[in-house]
């Protein structure tokens, strides 16, 4: 899908690709699944991220790719981006 996005950028469209982290139905970090705290994405961060994608005026170079993960202490992905989305810091794993 990312390659398809790059193709359409060449056709003049603006494209944002998000590598989504782990979202749970109960909005809690799944401690049973090893490493889940590294990829956790909270409901509020997901909502704020999508809102930022919709509301951005222009996308630098017409293309943006980033990881959608909350600001977890043990995250393994860099969640920096050029759309203005700032994830919340996850304080606990309950």
N, C-alpha and C. Protein backbone atom coordinates (compact mmCIF):
# COMPACT_ATOMS: atom_id res chain seq x y z
N UNK A 1 0.82 -1.19 0.00
CA UNK A 1 0.00 0.00 0.00
C UNK A 1 0.87 1.26 0.00
N UNK A 2 2.00 1.18 0.69
CA UNK A 2 2.90 2.34 0.70
C UNK A 2 3.43 2.63 -0.70
N UNK A 3 3.76 1.57 -1.44
CA UNK A 3 4.23 1.75 -2.82
C UNK A 3 3.12 2.34 -3.69
N UNK A 4 1.90 1.91 -3.47
CA UNK A 4 0.77 2.46 -4.22
C UNK A 4 0.59 3.94 -3.88
N UNK A 5 0.79 4.29 -2.63
CA UNK A 5 0.73 5.69 -2.22
C UNK A 5 1.77 6.52 -2.93
N UNK A 6 2.99 6.00 -3.03
CA UNK A 6 4.07 6.72 -3.73
C UNK A 6 3.74 6.88 -5.22
N UNK A 7 3.09 5.87 -5.78
CA UNK A 7 2.67 5.94 -7.19
C UNK A 7 1.71 7.12 -7.39
N UNK A 8 0.73 7.23 -6.50
CA UNK A 8 -0.27 8.29 -6.65
C UNK A 8 0.29 9.67 -6.32
N UNK A 9 1.35 9.74 -5.52
CA UNK A 9 2.02 11.02 -5.29
C UNK A 9 2.57 11.54 -6.61
N UNK A 10 3.10 10.64 -7.42
CA UNK A 10 3.62 11.03 -8.74
C UNK A 10 2.51 11.54 -9.65
N UNK A 11 1.28 11.16 -9.36
CA UNK A 11 0.12 11.61 -10.14
C UNK A 11 -0.48 12.90 -9.58
N UNK A 12 0.13 13.41 -8.49
CA UNK A 12 -0.31 14.70 -7.95
C UNK A 12 -1.13 14.64 -6.68
N UNK A 13 -1.39 13.45 -6.14
CA UNK A 13 -2.18 13.35 -4.91
C UNK A 13 -1.29 13.49 -3.68
N UNK A 14 -1.89 13.88 -2.56
CA UNK A 14 -1.20 13.89 -1.28
C UNK A 14 -1.57 12.60 -0.54
N UNK A 15 -0.58 11.93 0.01
CA UNK A 15 -0.79 10.61 0.62
C UNK A 15 -0.15 10.57 2.00
N UNK A 16 -0.89 10.02 2.96
CA UNK A 16 -0.36 9.76 4.29
C UNK A 16 -0.49 8.26 4.54
N UNK A 17 0.62 7.61 4.86
CA UNK A 17 0.63 6.19 5.22
C UNK A 17 0.98 6.07 6.69
N UNK A 18 0.19 5.28 7.41
CA UNK A 18 0.41 5.10 8.84
C UNK A 18 0.63 3.61 9.11
N UNK A 19 1.69 3.31 9.79
CA UNK A 19 1.94 1.95 10.26
C UNK A 19 1.36 1.87 11.66
N UNK A 20 0.13 1.35 11.73
CA UNK A 20 -0.61 1.34 13.00
C UNK A 20 -0.03 0.37 14.01
N UNK A 21 0.04 0.83 15.24
CA UNK A 21 0.47 -0.03 16.34
C UNK A 21 -0.69 -0.89 16.80
N UNK A 22 -0.59 -1.40 18.01
CA UNK A 22 -1.61 -2.29 18.55
C UNK A 22 -2.69 -1.54 19.30
N UNK A 23 -3.93 -1.70 18.86
CA UNK A 23 -5.08 -1.08 19.50
C UNK A 23 -5.93 -2.21 20.07
N UNK A 24 -6.38 -2.04 21.31
CA UNK A 24 -7.21 -3.06 21.94
C UNK A 24 -8.62 -2.54 22.17
N UNK A 25 -9.57 -3.44 22.25
CA UNK A 25 -10.96 -3.03 22.44
C UNK A 25 -11.18 -2.39 23.81
N UNK A 26 -10.40 -2.80 24.82
CA UNK A 26 -10.58 -2.24 26.16
C UNK A 26 -9.63 -1.08 26.44
N UNK A 27 -8.85 -0.67 25.43
CA UNK A 27 -7.94 0.47 25.53
C UNK A 27 -6.87 0.27 26.60
N UNK A 28 -6.46 -0.98 26.82
CA UNK A 28 -5.42 -1.30 27.78
C UNK A 28 -4.31 -2.08 27.07
N UNK A 29 -3.11 -1.93 27.61
CA UNK A 29 -1.99 -2.68 27.05
C UNK A 29 -2.15 -4.15 27.39
N UNK A 30 -2.06 -4.98 26.38
CA UNK A 30 -2.18 -6.42 26.54
C UNK A 30 -0.87 -6.96 27.10
N UNK A 31 -0.85 -7.26 28.41
CA UNK A 31 0.38 -7.74 29.04
C UNK A 31 0.64 -9.22 28.76
N UNK A 32 -0.35 -9.92 28.25
CA UNK A 32 -0.18 -11.34 27.94
C UNK A 32 0.67 -11.51 26.68
N UNK A 33 0.48 -10.63 25.72
CA UNK A 33 1.23 -10.71 24.47
C UNK A 33 2.59 -10.05 24.65
N UNK A 34 3.63 -10.83 24.53
CA UNK A 34 4.99 -10.32 24.74
C UNK A 34 5.31 -9.18 23.78
N UNK A 35 5.81 -8.09 24.32
CA UNK A 35 6.22 -6.95 23.51
C UNK A 35 5.11 -6.00 23.12
N UNK A 36 3.86 -6.27 23.55
CA UNK A 36 2.75 -5.42 23.13
C UNK A 36 2.91 -3.98 23.60
N UNK A 37 3.54 -3.80 24.78
CA UNK A 37 3.73 -2.44 25.30
C UNK A 37 4.62 -1.62 24.38
N UNK A 38 5.36 -2.25 23.49
CA UNK A 38 6.24 -1.55 22.57
C UNK A 38 5.50 -0.96 21.37
N UNK A 39 4.30 -1.47 21.10
CA UNK A 39 3.56 -1.04 19.91
C UNK A 39 2.18 -0.47 20.23
N UNK A 40 1.84 -0.37 21.50
CA UNK A 40 0.50 0.04 21.93
C UNK A 40 0.12 1.42 21.38
N UNK A 41 -1.11 1.53 20.90
CA UNK A 41 -1.69 2.79 20.44
C UNK A 41 -3.02 2.97 21.14
N UNK A 42 -3.13 4.01 21.97
CA UNK A 42 -4.35 4.24 22.74
C UNK A 42 -5.46 4.77 21.82
N UNK A 43 -6.69 4.61 22.28
CA UNK A 43 -7.84 5.11 21.52
C UNK A 43 -7.74 6.61 21.28
N UNK A 44 -7.37 7.36 22.33
CA UNK A 44 -7.30 8.82 22.19
C UNK A 44 -6.19 9.22 21.21
N UNK A 45 -5.06 8.54 21.26
CA UNK A 45 -3.99 8.84 20.31
C UNK A 45 -4.41 8.52 18.88
N UNK A 46 -5.14 7.43 18.70
CA UNK A 46 -5.64 7.07 17.37
C UNK A 46 -6.57 8.14 16.84
N UNK A 47 -7.50 8.59 17.68
CA UNK A 47 -8.43 9.65 17.28
C UNK A 47 -7.68 10.93 16.93
N UNK A 48 -6.75 11.34 17.78
CA UNK A 48 -5.98 12.56 17.53
C UNK A 48 -5.13 12.44 16.27
N UNK A 49 -4.58 11.26 16.03
CA UNK A 49 -3.75 11.04 14.85
C UNK A 49 -4.58 11.17 13.56
N UNK A 50 -5.73 10.53 13.52
CA UNK A 50 -6.59 10.61 12.33
C UNK A 50 -7.08 12.04 12.13
N UNK A 51 -7.43 12.72 13.21
CA UNK A 51 -7.85 14.12 13.12
C UNK A 51 -6.74 14.98 12.54
N UNK A 52 -5.51 14.77 13.00
CA UNK A 52 -4.37 15.52 12.46
C UNK A 52 -4.18 15.26 10.97
N UNK A 53 -4.37 14.01 10.56
CA UNK A 53 -4.24 13.66 9.13
C UNK A 53 -5.29 14.37 8.29
N UNK A 54 -6.51 14.45 8.80
CA UNK A 54 -7.60 15.08 8.06
C UNK A 54 -7.44 16.59 8.00
N UNK A 55 -6.98 17.18 9.09
CA UNK A 55 -6.95 18.64 9.19
C UNK A 55 -5.69 19.30 8.64
N UNK A 56 -4.66 18.53 8.31
CA UNK A 56 -3.43 19.15 7.82
C UNK A 56 -3.69 19.84 6.48
N UNK A 57 -3.14 21.04 6.34
CA UNK A 57 -3.36 21.83 5.12
C UNK A 57 -2.61 21.25 3.92
N UNK A 58 -1.32 21.04 4.08
CA UNK A 58 -0.51 20.45 3.01
C UNK A 58 0.46 19.44 3.60
N UNK A 59 0.84 18.49 2.81
CA UNK A 59 1.76 17.44 3.23
C UNK A 59 3.09 17.68 2.54
N UNK A 60 4.16 17.77 3.31
CA UNK A 60 5.49 18.00 2.77
C UNK A 60 5.83 16.93 1.73
N UNK A 61 6.22 17.36 0.55
CA UNK A 61 6.55 16.46 -0.57
C UNK A 61 5.37 15.56 -0.97
N UNK A 62 4.17 15.93 -0.56
CA UNK A 62 2.93 15.20 -0.88
C UNK A 62 2.87 13.79 -0.29
N UNK A 63 3.82 13.42 0.56
CA UNK A 63 3.87 12.06 1.09
C UNK A 63 4.36 12.06 2.53
N UNK A 64 3.68 11.33 3.38
CA UNK A 64 4.10 11.18 4.77
C UNK A 64 3.91 9.72 5.17
N UNK A 65 4.88 9.18 5.85
CA UNK A 65 4.84 7.81 6.37
C UNK A 65 5.35 7.85 7.80
N UNK A 66 4.57 7.30 8.74
CA UNK A 66 5.03 7.27 10.12
C UNK A 66 4.35 6.13 10.88
N UNK A 67 4.91 5.83 12.05
CA UNK A 67 4.36 4.80 12.93
C UNK A 67 3.32 5.41 13.86
N UNK A 68 2.17 4.77 13.95
CA UNK A 68 1.11 5.20 14.86
C UNK A 68 1.20 4.41 16.16
N UNK A 69 2.06 4.86 17.06
CA UNK A 69 2.18 4.25 18.38
C UNK A 69 2.16 5.35 19.43
N UNK A 70 1.59 5.04 20.58
CA UNK A 70 1.58 6.01 21.66
C UNK A 70 3.00 6.20 22.20
N UNK A 71 3.15 7.22 23.03
CA UNK A 71 4.46 7.52 23.60
C UNK A 71 4.70 6.59 24.78
N UNK A 72 5.00 5.33 24.47
CA UNK A 72 5.22 4.30 25.48
C UNK A 72 6.68 4.31 25.93
N UNK A 73 6.94 4.06 27.20
CA UNK A 73 8.33 4.06 27.67
C UNK A 73 9.21 3.05 26.93
N UNK A 74 8.64 1.93 26.51
CA UNK A 74 9.41 0.88 25.86
C UNK A 74 9.16 0.77 24.35
N UNK A 75 8.60 1.82 23.74
CA UNK A 75 8.27 1.71 22.32
C UNK A 75 9.54 1.46 21.50
N UNK A 76 9.37 0.75 20.40
CA UNK A 76 10.52 0.41 19.56
C UNK A 76 10.51 1.22 18.27
N UNK A 77 9.44 1.93 18.00
CA UNK A 77 9.34 2.71 16.77
C UNK A 77 9.40 4.20 17.06
N UNK A 78 10.00 4.92 16.17
CA UNK A 78 10.03 6.37 16.25
C UNK A 78 8.69 6.87 15.73
N UNK A 79 7.94 7.59 16.54
CA UNK A 79 6.62 8.07 16.12
C UNK A 79 6.64 9.52 15.67
N UNK A 80 7.82 10.04 15.32
CA UNK A 80 7.87 11.41 14.82
C UNK A 80 7.18 11.50 13.46
N UNK A 81 6.64 12.66 13.16
CA UNK A 81 5.89 12.84 11.92
C UNK A 81 5.87 14.31 11.56
N UNK A 82 5.41 14.60 10.36
CA UNK A 82 5.33 15.98 9.88
C UNK A 82 3.90 16.49 9.76
N UNK A 83 2.97 15.84 10.46
CA UNK A 83 1.57 16.28 10.38
C UNK A 83 1.11 16.99 11.65
N UNK A 84 1.99 17.10 12.63
CA UNK A 84 1.63 17.78 13.87
C UNK A 84 1.02 16.91 14.94
N UNK A 85 1.03 15.59 14.75
CA UNK A 85 0.46 14.68 15.75
C UNK A 85 1.48 14.43 16.85
N UNK A 86 1.05 14.64 18.09
CA UNK A 86 1.88 14.37 19.25
C UNK A 86 1.15 13.37 20.14
N UNK A 87 1.64 12.13 20.20
CA UNK A 87 0.97 11.12 21.03
C UNK A 87 1.15 11.42 22.52
N UNK A 88 0.20 10.96 23.30
CA UNK A 88 0.27 11.12 24.75
C UNK A 88 1.23 10.11 25.34
N UNK A 89 1.84 10.49 26.46
CA UNK A 89 2.74 9.59 27.17
C UNK A 89 1.89 8.58 27.94
N UNK A 90 2.21 7.30 27.81
CA UNK A 90 1.52 6.24 28.54
C UNK A 90 2.19 6.12 29.90
N UNK A 91 1.41 6.32 30.96
CA UNK A 91 1.96 6.33 32.31
C UNK A 91 2.00 4.95 32.95
N UNK A 92 0.98 4.14 32.71
CA UNK A 92 0.95 2.83 33.35
C UNK A 92 0.37 1.79 32.40
N UNK A 93 0.48 0.56 32.79
CA UNK A 93 0.03 -0.56 31.94
C UNK A 93 -1.15 -1.28 32.52
N UNK A 94 -2.05 -0.58 33.18
CA UNK A 94 -3.19 -1.26 33.77
C UNK A 94 -4.39 -1.21 32.85
